[in-house]
Amino acid sequence: MKQYFAFYGDCYYPSGGMDDFVGDYDTKEEAIEAIESAHLKNRPDDKVWEWAWGNVWDSKDRIEVHTK
């Protein structure tokens, strides 16, 4: 398991639990890129992230390191 966990949803309310899990990554930047790719795939017309959300969790330090 890698250090950074990426989560993404294209609705305002997160409700999928682990179904919102995008993947685990070695760097925070890779995790953010994965979230942005998931958003582009699911909502290509939503440039301002009106309803979507994304989070990156650092499993080593046990903190959230990115929120969109």
C-alpha atoms as a PDB file:
ATOM      1  CA  MET A   1       0.000   0.000   0.000  1.00  0.00           C
ATOM      2  CA  LYS A   2       1.298   3.418  -0.935  1.00  0.00           C
ATOM      3  CA  GLN A   3       1.342   6.511   1.261  1.00  0.00           C
ATOM      4  CA  TYR A   4      -1.252   8.775  -0.385  1.00  0.00           C
ATOM      5  CA  PHE A   5      -4.893   7.763  -0.817  1.00  0.00           C
ATOM      6  CA  ALA A   6      -7.070   9.642  -3.325  1.00  0.00           C
ATOM      7  CA  PHE A   7     -10.860   9.936  -3.002  1.00  0.00           C
ATOM      8  CA  TYR A   8     -13.216  11.570  -5.495  1.00  0.00           C
ATOM      9  CA  GLY A   9     -16.921  12.094  -5.993  1.00  0.00           C
ATOM     10  CA  ASP A  10     -18.843  13.948  -8.666  1.00  0.00           C
ATOM     11  CA  CYS A  11     -21.749  14.776  -6.342  1.00  0.00           C
ATOM     12  CA  TYR A  12     -21.635  17.264  -3.487  1.00  0.00           C
ATOM     13  CA  TYR A  13     -22.349  14.711  -0.760  1.00  0.00           C
ATOM     14  CA  PRO A  14     -19.769  11.947  -0.374  1.00  0.00           C
ATOM     15  CA  SER A  15     -21.656   8.736   0.259  1.00  0.00           C
ATOM     16  CA  GLY A  16     -19.795   5.939  -1.414  1.00  0.00           C
ATOM     17  CA  GLY A  17     -17.274   5.194   1.319  1.00  0.00           C
ATOM     18  CA  MET A  18     -14.577   3.085  -0.281  1.00  0.00           C
ATOM     19  CA  ASP A  19     -16.465   3.305  -3.590  1.00  0.00           C
ATOM     20  CA  ASP A  20     -15.097   6.878  -3.709  1.00  0.00           C
ATOM     21  CA  PHE A  21     -11.526   5.544  -3.461  1.00  0.00           C
ATOM     22  CA  VAL A  22      -9.553   6.367  -6.627  1.00  0.00           C
ATOM     23  CA  GLY A  23      -6.280   4.670  -5.675  1.00  0.00           C
ATOM     24  CA  ASP A  24      -3.102   4.843  -3.642  1.00  0.00           C
ATOM     25  CA  TYR A  25      -0.016   6.720  -4.825  1.00  0.00           C
ATOM     26  CA  ASP A  26       3.619   7.324  -3.910  1.00  0.00           C
ATOM     27  CA  THR A  27       3.339  11.112  -4.041  1.00  0.00           C
ATOM     28  CA  LYS A  28       0.712  13.697  -3.185  1.00  0.00           C
ATOM     29  CA  GLU A  29       1.040  15.124  -6.694  1.00  0.00           C
ATOM     30  CA  GLU A  30       0.206  11.751  -8.294  1.00  0.00           C
ATOM     31  CA  ALA A  31      -2.877  11.461  -6.086  1.00  0.00           C
ATOM     32  CA  ILE A  32      -4.052  14.969  -7.011  1.00  0.00           C
ATOM     33  CA  GLU A  33      -3.504  14.212 -10.695  1.00  0.00           C
ATOM     34  CA  ALA A  34      -5.597  11.033 -10.368  1.00  0.00           C
ATOM     35  CA  ILE A  35      -8.452  13.015  -8.800  1.00  0.00           C
ATOM     36  CA  GLU A  36      -8.299  15.618 -11.553  1.00  0.00           C
ATOM     37  CA  SER A  37      -8.278  12.876 -14.212  1.00  0.00           C
ATOM     38  CA  ALA A  38     -11.302  11.211 -12.624  1.00  0.00           C
ATOM     39  CA  HIS A  39     -13.122  14.544 -12.623  1.00  0.00           C
ATOM     40  CA  LEU A  40     -12.261  15.254 -16.246  1.00  0.00           C
ATOM     41  CA  LYS A  41     -13.562  11.801 -17.194  1.00  0.00           C
ATOM     42  CA  ASN A  42     -16.814  12.071 -15.178  1.00  0.00           C
ATOM     43  CA  ARG A  43     -17.602  15.787 -15.571  1.00  0.00           C
ATOM     44  CA  PRO A  44     -15.667  17.210 -18.538  1.00  0.00           C
ATOM     45  CA  ASP A  45     -17.932  20.263 -18.670  1.00  0.00           C
ATOM     46  CA  ASP A  46     -17.519  21.171 -14.956  1.00  0.00           C
ATOM     47  CA  LYS A  47     -14.417  23.379 -14.973  1.00  0.00           C
ATOM     48  CA  VAL A  48     -15.135  24.972 -11.569  1.00  0.00           C
ATOM     49  CA  TRP A  49     -15.895  21.769  -9.625  1.00  0.00           C
ATOM     50  CA  GLU A  50     -19.411  22.982  -8.870  1.00  0.00           C
ATOM     51  CA  TRP A  51     -20.605  19.742  -7.213  1.00  0.00           C
ATOM     52  CA  ALA A  52     -17.549  17.506  -7.254  1.00  0.00           C
ATOM     53  CA  TRP A  53     -15.019  17.017  -4.477  1.00  0.00           C
ATOM     54  CA  GLY A  54     -11.640  15.342  -3.989  1.00  0.00           C
ATOM     55  CA  ASN A  55      -9.454  14.534  -1.008  1.00  0.00           C
ATOM     56  CA  VAL A  56      -5.957  13.145  -0.509  1.00  0.00           C
ATOM     57  CA  TRP A  57      -5.149  11.360   2.738  1.00  0.00           C
ATOM     58  CA  ASP A  58      -1.570  10.825   3.934  1.00  0.00           C
ATOM     59  CA  SER A  59      -1.601   7.366   5.518  1.00  0.00           C
ATOM     60  CA  LYS A  60       1.789   7.849   7.170  1.00  0.00           C
ATOM     61  CA  ASP A  61       1.015  11.124   8.979  1.00  0.00           C
ATOM     62  CA  ARG A  62      -2.726  10.350   9.155  1.00  0.00           C
ATOM     63  CA  ILE A  63      -3.826  13.751   7.912  1.00  0.00           C
ATOM     64  CA  GLU A  64      -5.695  15.149   4.960  1.00  0.00           C
ATOM     65  CA  VAL A  65      -3.153  16.862   2.699  1.00  0.00           C
ATOM     66  CA  HIS A  66      -5.360  18.098  -0.152  1.00  0.00           C
ATOM     67  CA  THR A  67      -8.989  19.102  -0.549  1.00  0.00           C
ATOM     68  CA  LYS A  68     -10.685  20.248  -3.728  1.00  0.00           C
END
